[in-house]
C-alpha atoms as a PDB file:
ATOM      1  CA  MET A   1      32.340  10.585 -59.921  1.00  0.00           C
ATOM      2  CA  CYS A   2      33.122  10.239 -63.602  1.00  0.00           C
ATOM      3  CA  ARG A   3      32.521   7.905 -66.523  1.00  0.00           C
ATOM      4  CA  HIS A   4      35.298   6.223 -68.469  1.00  0.00           C
ATOM      5  CA  LEU A   5      35.989   3.701 -71.222  1.00  0.00           C
ATOM      6  CA  ALA A   6      38.900   1.723 -72.670  1.00  0.00           C
ATOM      7  CA  TYR A   7      39.078  -0.091 -76.016  1.00  0.00           C
ATOM      8  CA  LEU A   8      41.397  -2.587 -77.708  1.00  0.00           C
ATOM      9  CA  GLY A   9      40.659  -3.918 -81.189  1.00  0.00           C
ATOM     10  CA  PRO A  10      40.783  -3.218 -84.910  1.00  0.00           C
ATOM     11  CA  ALA A  11      41.419   0.402 -85.856  1.00  0.00           C
ATOM     12  CA  VAL A  12      38.243   2.527 -85.757  1.00  0.00           C
ATOM     13  CA  PRO A  13      37.522   6.285 -85.645  1.00  0.00           C
ATOM     14  CA  ILE A  14      37.365   7.701 -82.144  1.00  0.00           C
ATOM     15  CA  GLN A  15      33.822   8.939 -82.770  1.00  0.00           C
ATOM     16  CA  GLN A  16      32.660   5.354 -83.343  1.00  0.00           C
ATOM     17  CA  LEU A  17      33.648   4.538 -79.758  1.00  0.00           C
ATOM     18  CA  LEU A  18      32.635   7.716 -77.941  1.00  0.00           C
ATOM     19  CA  VAL A  19      30.104   9.736 -79.945  1.00  0.00           C
ATOM     20  CA  GLU A  20      28.042   7.419 -82.158  1.00  0.00           C
ATOM     21  CA  PRO A  21      26.762   4.935 -79.524  1.00  0.00           C
ATOM     22  CA  PRO A  22      23.310   6.144 -78.420  1.00  0.00           C
ATOM     23  CA  PHE A  23      24.286   6.069 -74.735  1.00  0.00           C
ATOM     24  CA  GLY A  24      28.050   6.393 -75.200  1.00  0.00           C
ATOM     25  CA  LEU A  25      30.579   8.394 -73.244  1.00  0.00           C
ATOM     26  CA  TYR A  26      29.669  11.589 -75.123  1.00  0.00           C
ATOM     27  CA  ARG A  27      26.050  11.358 -73.933  1.00  0.00           C
ATOM     28  CA  GLN A  28      27.133  10.231 -70.468  1.00  0.00           C
ATOM     29  CA  SER A  29      28.596  13.688 -69.923  1.00  0.00           C
ATOM     30  CA  TRP A  30      25.043  15.020 -69.449  1.00  0.00           C
ATOM     31  CA  ALA A  31      22.826  11.924 -69.140  1.00  0.00           C
ATOM     32  CA  PRO A  32      24.515   8.889 -67.570  1.00  0.00           C
ATOM     33  CA  ARG A  33      22.158   5.997 -66.982  1.00  0.00           C
ATOM     34  CA  SER A  34      23.981   3.985 -64.308  1.00  0.00           C
ATOM     35  CA  GLN A  35      26.006   6.530 -62.345  1.00  0.00           C
ATOM     36  CA  ARG A  36      25.547   6.068 -58.613  1.00  0.00           C
ATOM     37  CA  HIS A  37      27.072   9.368 -57.441  1.00  0.00           C
ATOM     38  CA  GLY A  38      26.458  12.706 -59.172  1.00  0.00           C
ATOM     39  CA  THR A  39      24.237  13.492 -62.124  1.00  0.00           C
ATOM     40  CA  VAL A  40      26.403  15.071 -64.845  1.00  0.00           C
ATOM     41  CA  ASN A  41      30.060  14.926 -65.935  1.00  0.00           C
ATOM     42  CA  VAL A  42      30.881  18.388 -67.240  1.00  0.00           C
ATOM     43  CA  ASP A  43      34.077  19.292 -65.323  1.00  0.00           C
ATOM     44  CA  GLY A  44      36.432  18.279 -68.104  1.00  0.00           C
ATOM     45  CA  PHE A  45      37.176  15.366 -70.391  1.00  0.00           C
ATOM     46  CA  GLY A  46      40.087  13.624 -72.017  1.00  0.00           C
ATOM     47  CA  VAL A  47      40.979  11.059 -74.645  1.00  0.00           C
ATOM     48  CA  GLY A  48      44.231   9.157 -74.965  1.00  0.00           C
ATOM     49  CA  TRP A  49      44.990   6.945 -77.955  1.00  0.00           C
ATOM     50  CA  TYR A  50      47.795   4.949 -79.528  1.00  0.00           C
ATOM     51  CA  ALA A  51      49.143   5.374 -83.057  1.00  0.00           C
ATOM     52  CA  ASP A  52      50.756   2.551 -85.030  1.00  0.00           C
ATOM     53  CA  GLY A  53      54.476   2.236 -84.387  1.00  0.00           C
ATOM     54  CA  ASP A  54      54.506   4.424 -81.258  1.00  0.00           C
ATOM     55  CA  GLU A  55      53.917   2.970 -77.800  1.00  0.00           C
ATOM     56  CA  VAL A  56      53.587   6.434 -76.208  1.00  0.00           C
ATOM     57  CA  PRO A  57      49.963   7.599 -76.458  1.00  0.00           C
ATOM     58  CA  ALA A  58      48.682  10.980 -77.579  1.00  0.00           C
ATOM     59  CA  ARG A  59      46.286  12.883 -75.345  1.00  0.00           C
ATOM     60  CA  TYR A  60      43.607  15.524 -75.853  1.00  0.00           C
ATOM     61  CA  ARG A  61      42.201  17.044 -72.645  1.00  0.00           C
ATOM     62  CA  ARG A  62      40.021  20.030 -71.898  1.00  0.00           C
ATOM     63  CA  ALA A  63      38.548  21.663 -68.794  1.00  0.00           C
ATOM     64  CA  GLY A  64      34.979  21.954 -70.115  1.00  0.00           C
ATOM     65  CA  PRO A  65      32.314  19.472 -71.211  1.00  0.00           C
ATOM     66  CA  ILE A  66      33.023  17.237 -74.178  1.00  0.00           C
ATOM     67  CA  TRP A  67      29.958  18.407 -76.127  1.00  0.00           C
ATOM     68  CA  ALA A  68      31.114  22.047 -76.019  1.00  0.00           C
ATOM     69  CA  ASP A  69      34.427  21.371 -77.787  1.00  0.00           C
ATOM     70  CA  ARG A  70      34.112  21.746 -81.558  1.00  0.00           C
ATOM     71  CA  SER A  71      37.755  20.807 -82.120  1.00  0.00           C
ATOM     72  CA  PHE A  72      37.165  17.427 -80.508  1.00  0.00           C
ATOM     73  CA  ALA A  73      34.340  16.686 -82.945  1.00  0.00           C
ATOM     74  CA  ASP A  74      36.757  17.066 -85.883  1.00  0.00           C
ATOM     75  CA  LEU A  75      39.498  15.070 -84.169  1.00  0.00           C
ATOM     76  CA  ALA A  76      37.135  12.231 -83.293  1.00  0.00           C
ATOM     77  CA  ARG A  77      35.880  12.024 -86.866  1.00  0.00           C
ATOM     78  CA  VAL A  78      39.283  11.574 -88.550  1.00  0.00           C
ATOM     79  CA  VAL A  79      41.593   9.912 -85.978  1.00  0.00           C
ATOM     80  CA  ARG A  80      41.566   6.119 -86.011  1.00  0.00           C
ATOM     81  CA  THR A  81      43.075   3.965 -83.291  1.00  0.00           C
ATOM     82  CA  ARG A  82      43.396   0.367 -82.110  1.00  0.00           C
ATOM     83  CA  ALA A  83      43.622   1.333 -78.436  1.00  0.00           C
ATOM     84  CA  LEU A  84      42.022   4.145 -76.458  1.00  0.00           C
ATOM     85  CA  LEU A  85      41.179   5.375 -72.957  1.00  0.00           C
ATOM     86  CA  ALA A  86      38.691   8.221 -72.494  1.00  0.00           C
ATOM     87  CA  ALA A  87      36.886   9.850 -69.579  1.00  0.00           C
ATOM     88  CA  VAL A  88      34.370  12.583 -68.749  1.00  0.00           C
ATOM     89  CA  ARG A  89      34.804  14.207 -65.342  1.00  0.00           C
ATOM     90  CA  SER A  90      32.601  15.077 -62.395  1.00  0.00           C
ATOM     91  CA  ALA A  91      35.032  16.780 -60.030  1.00  0.00           C
ATOM     92  CA  THR A  92      35.282  15.844 -56.366  1.00  0.00           C
ATOM     93  CA  PRO A  93      34.579  18.891 -54.136  1.00  0.00           C
ATOM     94  CA  GLY A  94      37.842  20.473 -53.033  1.00  0.00           C
ATOM     95  CA  CYS A  95      39.849  19.125 -55.962  1.00  0.00           C
ATOM     96  CA  ALA A  96      41.568  21.227 -58.589  1.00  0.00           C
ATOM     97  CA  ASP A  97      39.819  22.428 -61.719  1.00  0.00           C
ATOM     98  CA  GLY A  98      41.350  22.621 -65.162  1.00  0.00           C
ATOM     99  CA  GLU A  99      42.755  20.496 -67.923  1.00  0.00           C
ATOM    100  CA  SER A 100      45.563  19.025 -65.810  1.00  0.00           C
ATOM    101  CA  ALA A 101      42.989  17.427 -63.471  1.00  0.00           C
ATOM    102  CA  ALA A 102      41.146  15.651 -66.295  1.00  0.00           C
ATOM    103  CA  ALA A 103      41.847  12.011 -67.100  1.00  0.00           C
ATOM    104  CA  PRO A 104      43.532  10.273 -68.683  1.00  0.00           C
ATOM    105  CA  PHE A 105      46.715  10.771 -66.707  1.00  0.00           C
ATOM    106  CA  ALA A 106      49.783   9.505 -68.530  1.00  0.00           C
ATOM    107  CA  ALA A 107      53.370   8.356 -68.014  1.00  0.00           C
ATOM    108  CA  GLY A 108      55.389   6.644 -70.719  1.00  0.00           C
ATOM    109  CA  ARG A 109      53.186   4.060 -72.390  1.00  0.00           C
ATOM    110  CA  TRP A 110      50.522   4.146 -69.647  1.00  0.00           C
ATOM    111  CA  LEU A 111      47.110   5.845 -69.571  1.00  0.00           C
ATOM    112  CA  PHE A 112      45.048   5.956 -66.359  1.00  0.00           C
ATOM    113  CA  SER A 113      41.610   7.099 -65.184  1.00  0.00           C
ATOM    114  CA  HIS A 114      39.845   7.166 -61.802  1.00  0.00           C
ATOM    115  CA  ASN A 115      36.054   6.979 -61.643  1.00  0.00           C
ATOM    116  CA  GLY A 116      35.330   7.650 -58.003  1.00  0.00           C
ATOM    117  CA  ALA A 117      36.257   9.841 -55.056  1.00  0.00           C
ATOM    118  CA  LEU A 118      38.252   9.875 -51.828  1.00  0.00           C
ATOM    119  CA  PRO A 119      35.832  11.446 -49.290  1.00  0.00           C
ATOM    120  CA  GLY A 120      37.769  13.493 -46.757  1.00  0.00           C
ATOM    121  CA  TRP A 121      40.692  13.975 -49.120  1.00  0.00           C
ATOM    122  CA  PRO A 122      43.429  14.944 -48.453  1.00  0.00           C
ATOM    123  CA  GLU A 123      43.437  14.716 -44.648  1.00  0.00           C
ATOM    124  CA  ARG A 124      42.174  11.119 -44.335  1.00  0.00           C
ATOM    125  CA  TYR A 125      44.774   9.808 -46.761  1.00  0.00           C
ATOM    126  CA  ASP A 126      47.993  11.100 -45.216  1.00  0.00           C
ATOM    127  CA  LYS A 127      49.203   7.580 -44.426  1.00  0.00           C
ATOM    128  CA  ALA A 128      48.658   6.377 -47.979  1.00  0.00           C
ATOM    129  CA  ALA A 129      50.410   9.446 -49.400  1.00  0.00           C
ATOM    130  CA  ALA A 130      53.326   8.901 -47.013  1.00  0.00           C
ATOM    131  CA  ALA A 131      54.157   5.693 -48.888  1.00  0.00           C
ATOM    132  CA  LEU A 132      55.311   7.834 -51.825  1.00  0.00           C
ATOM    133  CA  PRO A 133      58.749   9.462 -52.026  1.00  0.00           C
ATOM    134  CA  PRO A 134      58.537  13.252 -51.565  1.00  0.00           C
ATOM    135  CA  ALA A 135      59.644  13.845 -55.154  1.00  0.00           C
ATOM    136  CA  GLU A 136      56.666  11.863 -56.461  1.00  0.00           C
ATOM    137  CA  LEU A 137      54.244  13.803 -54.264  1.00  0.00           C
ATOM    138  CA  LEU A 138      55.680  17.078 -55.509  1.00  0.00           C
ATOM    139  CA  ALA A 139      55.275  15.849 -59.082  1.00  0.00           C
ATOM    140  CA  LEU A 140      51.494  15.351 -58.825  1.00  0.00           C
ATOM    141  CA  GLU A 141      49.967  16.735 -62.012  1.00  0.00           C
ATOM    142  CA  ALA A 142      47.024  18.293 -60.198  1.00  0.00           C
ATOM    143  CA  ARG A 143      45.858  18.846 -56.637  1.00  0.00           C
ATOM    144  CA  SER A 144      43.190  16.180 -56.776  1.00  0.00           C
ATOM    145  CA  ASP A 145      42.297  12.830 -55.289  1.00  0.00           C
ATOM    146  CA  SER A 146      42.627  11.157 -58.696  1.00  0.00           C
ATOM    147  CA  ALA A 147      46.183  12.450 -59.115  1.00  0.00           C
ATOM    148  CA  LEU A 148      47.113  10.857 -55.784  1.00  0.00           C
ATOM    149  CA  VAL A 149      45.568   7.532 -56.828  1.00  0.00           C
ATOM    150  CA  TRP A 150      47.523   7.678 -60.095  1.00  0.00           C
ATOM    151  CA  ALA A 151      50.760   8.407 -58.216  1.00  0.00           C
ATOM    152  CA  LEU A 152      50.262   5.311 -56.048  1.00  0.00           C
ATOM    153  CA  VAL A 153      49.553   3.132 -59.094  1.00  0.00           C
ATOM    154  CA  LEU A 154      52.497   4.540 -61.050  1.00  0.00           C
ATOM    155  CA  HIS A 155      54.835   4.013 -58.102  1.00  0.00           C
ATOM    156  CA  ARG A 156      54.017   0.301 -58.159  1.00  0.00           C
ATOM    157  CA  LEU A 157      54.320   0.064 -61.945  1.00  0.00           C
ATOM    158  CA  ARG A 158      57.779   1.642 -61.833  1.00  0.00           C
ATOM    159  CA  ALA A 159      58.759  -0.883 -59.169  1.00  0.00           C
ATOM    160  CA  GLY A 160      57.915  -3.688 -61.623  1.00  0.00           C
ATOM    161  CA  ALA A 161      54.407  -4.658 -60.508  1.00  0.00           C
ATOM    162  CA  PRO A 162      52.039  -6.022 -63.177  1.00  0.00           C
ATOM    163  CA  PRO A 163      49.134  -3.680 -64.015  1.00  0.00           C
ATOM    164  CA  GLY A 164      46.507  -5.635 -62.096  1.00  0.00           C
ATOM    165  CA  GLU A 165      48.677  -5.868 -59.010  1.00  0.00           C
ATOM    166  CA  ALA A 166      49.407  -2.121 -59.147  1.00  0.00           C
ATOM    167  CA  LEU A 167      45.684  -1.294 -59.254  1.00  0.00           C
ATOM    168  CA  ALA A 168      44.722  -3.760 -56.538  1.00  0.00           C
ATOM    169  CA  HIS A 169      47.480  -2.475 -54.254  1.00  0.00           C
ATOM    170  CA  ALA A 170      46.271   1.123 -54.653  1.00  0.00           C
ATOM    171  CA  VAL A 171      42.691   0.088 -53.868  1.00  0.00           C
ATOM    172  CA  GLN A 172      43.775  -1.800 -50.763  1.00  0.00           C
ATOM    173  CA  ALA A 173      45.975   1.083 -49.598  1.00  0.00           C
ATOM    174  CA  LEU A 174      43.193   3.656 -49.935  1.00  0.00           C
ATOM    175  CA  ALA A 175      40.024   1.744 -49.094  1.00  0.00           C
ATOM    176  CA  GLY A 176      40.917   1.436 -45.426  1.00  0.00           C
ATOM    177  CA  HIS A 177      41.085   5.210 -44.891  1.00  0.00           C
ATOM    178  CA  GLY A 178      37.450   6.039 -45.629  1.00  0.00           C
ATOM    179  CA  GLU A 179      34.523   5.257 -47.898  1.00  0.00           C
ATOM    180  CA  ALA A 180      36.688   5.487 -50.988  1.00  0.00           C
ATOM    181  CA  ARG A 181      35.183   4.813 -54.413  1.00  0.00           C
ATOM    182  CA  LEU A 182      37.889   3.385 -56.615  1.00  0.00           C
ATOM    183  CA  ASN A 183      36.888   2.322 -60.103  1.00  0.00           C
ATOM    184  CA  LEU A 184      40.287   2.487 -61.809  1.00  0.00           C
ATOM    185  CA  LEU A 185      41.193   1.995 -65.473  1.00  0.00           C
ATOM    186  CA  LEU A 186      44.696   1.443 -66.869  1.00  0.00           C
ATOM    187  CA  THR A 187      46.056   0.543 -70.304  1.00  0.00           C
ATOM    188  CA  ASP A 188      49.353   0.364 -72.148  1.00  0.00           C
ATOM    189  CA  GLY A 189      47.723  -0.061 -75.547  1.00  0.00           C
ATOM    190  CA  THR A 190      47.949  -3.864 -75.509  1.00  0.00           C
ATOM    191  CA  SER A 191      46.043  -4.779 -72.338  1.00  0.00           C
ATOM    192  CA  ILE A 192      43.498  -3.247 -69.974  1.00  0.00           C
ATOM    193  CA  ALA A 193      43.350  -3.506 -66.191  1.00  0.00           C
ATOM    194  CA  ALA A 194      40.381  -2.149 -64.251  1.00  0.00           C
ATOM    195  CA  THR A 195      38.782  -2.274 -60.823  1.00  0.00           C
ATOM    196  CA  ALA A 196      35.154  -2.115 -59.757  1.00  0.00           C
ATOM    197  CA  TRP A 197      34.990  -0.633 -56.265  1.00  0.00           C
ATOM    198  CA  GLY A 198      31.969   1.507 -55.491  1.00  0.00           C
ATOM    199  CA  ASP A 199      30.404   2.110 -58.910  1.00  0.00           C
ATOM    200  CA  THR A 200      29.370   0.287 -62.071  1.00  0.00           C
ATOM    201  CA  LEU A 201      31.698  -1.378 -64.572  1.00  0.00           C
ATOM    202  CA  PHE A 202      30.929  -3.483 -67.654  1.00  0.00           C
ATOM    203  CA  HIS A 203      32.847  -5.243 -70.389  1.00  0.00           C
ATOM    204  CA  ARG A 204      32.004  -6.530 -73.854  1.00  0.00           C
ATOM    205  CA  THR A 205      34.111  -8.654 -76.179  1.00  0.00           C
ATOM    206  CA  GLU A 206      33.634  -9.414 -79.860  1.00  0.00           C
ATOM    207  CA  GLY A 207      35.416 -12.197 -81.735  1.00  0.00           C
ATOM    208  CA  THR A 208      38.519 -14.086 -80.656  1.00  0.00           C
ATOM    209  CA  ARG A 209      42.112 -14.136 -81.763  1.00  0.00           C
ATOM    210  CA  THR A 210      43.032 -17.081 -84.017  1.00  0.00           C
ATOM    211  CA  PRO A 211      46.536 -18.478 -84.727  1.00  0.00           C
ATOM    212  CA  GLU A 212      46.309 -17.469 -88.378  1.00  0.00           C
ATOM    213  CA  GLY A 213      44.868 -14.025 -87.599  1.00  0.00           C
ATOM    214  CA  THR A 214      47.316 -12.258 -85.315  1.00  0.00           C
ATOM    215  CA  GLY A 215      47.916  -9.042 -87.260  1.00  0.00           C
ATOM    216  CA  PRO A 216      46.811  -5.660 -85.936  1.00  0.00           C
ATOM    217  CA  ASP A 217      43.462  -5.773 -87.732  1.00  0.00           C
ATOM    218  CA  HIS A 218      42.730  -9.381 -86.846  1.00  0.00           C
ATOM    219  CA  GLY A 219      41.489 -10.924 -83.656  1.00  0.00           C
ATOM    220  CA  GLY A 220      38.836  -9.714 -81.291  1.00  0.00           C
ATOM    221  CA  SER A 221      38.004  -6.456 -79.576  1.00  0.00           C
ATOM    222  CA  VAL A 222      37.246  -5.588 -75.985  1.00  0.00           C
ATOM    223  CA  LEU A 223      35.449  -2.624 -74.423  1.00  0.00           C
ATOM    224  CA  VAL A 224      35.596  -1.872 -70.693  1.00  0.00           C
ATOM    225  CA  ALA A 225      33.266   0.925 -69.630  1.00  0.00           C
ATOM    226  CA  SER A 226      31.518   2.486 -66.651  1.00  0.00           C
ATOM    227  CA  GLU A 227      28.234   1.708 -68.349  1.00  0.00           C
ATOM    228  CA  PRO A 228      27.021   0.246 -71.676  1.00  0.00           C
ATOM    229  CA  GLY A 229      26.992   2.601 -74.626  1.00  0.00           C
ATOM    230  CA  ASP A 230      23.994   0.845 -76.172  1.00  0.00           C
ATOM    231  CA  ASP A 231      21.302  -1.706 -75.399  1.00  0.00           C
ATOM    232  CA  GLY A 232      22.843  -4.382 -77.605  1.00  0.00           C
ATOM    233  CA  PRO A 233      23.841  -7.852 -76.382  1.00  0.00           C
ATOM    234  CA  GLY A 234      27.131  -8.852 -74.874  1.00  0.00           C
ATOM    235  CA  TRP A 235      27.558  -6.361 -72.035  1.00  0.00           C
ATOM    236  CA  ILE A 236      28.595  -8.149 -68.838  1.00  0.00           C
ATOM    237  CA  PRO A 237      28.561  -6.386 -65.438  1.00  0.00           C
ATOM    238  CA  VAL A 238      31.666  -6.682 -63.293  1.00  0.00           C
ATOM    239  CA  PRO A 239      30.932  -7.501 -59.629  1.00  0.00           C
ATOM    240  CA  ASP A 240      31.814  -4.844 -57.080  1.00  0.00           C
ATOM    241  CA  ARG A 241      35.223  -5.267 -55.423  1.00  0.00           C
ATOM    242  CA  SER A 242      36.689  -6.971 -58.479  1.00  0.00           C
ATOM    243  CA  LEU A 243      39.794  -6.715 -60.633  1.00  0.00           C
ATOM    244  CA  LEU A 244      39.457  -7.112 -64.406  1.00  0.00           C
ATOM    245  CA  ILE A 245      42.324  -7.992 -66.753  1.00  0.00           C
ATOM    246  CA  ALA A 246      41.639  -7.952 -70.506  1.00  0.00           C
ATOM    247  CA  ASP A 247      43.301  -8.080 -73.880  1.00  0.00           C
ATOM    248  CA  ARG A 248      42.022  -8.797 -77.381  1.00  0.00           C
ATOM    249  CA  SER A 249      41.819 -12.516 -76.617  1.00  0.00           C
ATOM    250  CA  GLY A 250      39.506 -12.271 -73.619  1.00  0.00           C
ATOM    251  CA  VAL A 251      38.694 -11.047 -70.122  1.00  0.00           C
ATOM    252  CA  ASP A 252      39.440 -12.397 -66.635  1.00  0.00           C
ATOM    253  CA  VAL A 253      37.768 -11.109 -63.461  1.00  0.00           C
ATOM    254  CA  HIS A 254      38.924 -11.822 -59.894  1.00  0.00           C
ATOM    255  CA  PRO A 255      37.813 -10.562 -56.472  1.00  0.00           C
ATOM    256  CA  ILE A 256      39.880  -7.955 -54.619  1.00  0.00           C
ATOM    257  CA  ARG A 257      40.255  -8.644 -50.937  1.00  0.00           C
ATOM    258  CA  ALA A 258      40.215  -5.662 -48.616  1.00  0.00           C
ATOM    259  CA  THR A 259      43.122  -5.494 -46.179  1.00  0.00           C
END
């Protein structure tokens, strides 16, 4: 399993989102509080963020634990962003190691993370993989279960599916082939889509968008995370087998029906 987080809101330093919270993603790499599978997340990490005027996100990924990377500490201190997706990794046995296997995965304006596992991968999931064109299978960024999940989601996005539909379709396609754990997280820098399927997920919103306050530093903020980064108020758990859709104006949660 892994831990991940996405943010939309006023521009803040990356360290304010990941490092400064007492139980934030940085600490979750060695001491998660709510993780149901695995105990640490030291098999890599990644951060993707959006800069003003550019819809294509930047990424910083490494194969080791987040707390061992001194360069990340400097980056997190000075880089500010209004939209971010970050993850710390606990690798599924049998999956590839290395930077290319660490979330977030990216294509165009999209960032994606998978908190979960496909037990019995790859053999149990041949039918799901067969839904992809051979060229897309050959283009997998890493030999890992998460890369396959991302390929299925991206295939639907490229076909014109909305983000929530693309995530729900991937969950439904994979859940029937084993005891898959599929907490997925997707953003394009303006909205967040996520699923809760087999592990914890929470969201917290602050403020609301007003008609007279629609600029980039106005309106509310939303955090979607595997677990709360602090013990403050406002964290709301997402029920298992649910789809979450969020932007800076609010959050909607709907059940996902297994096929």
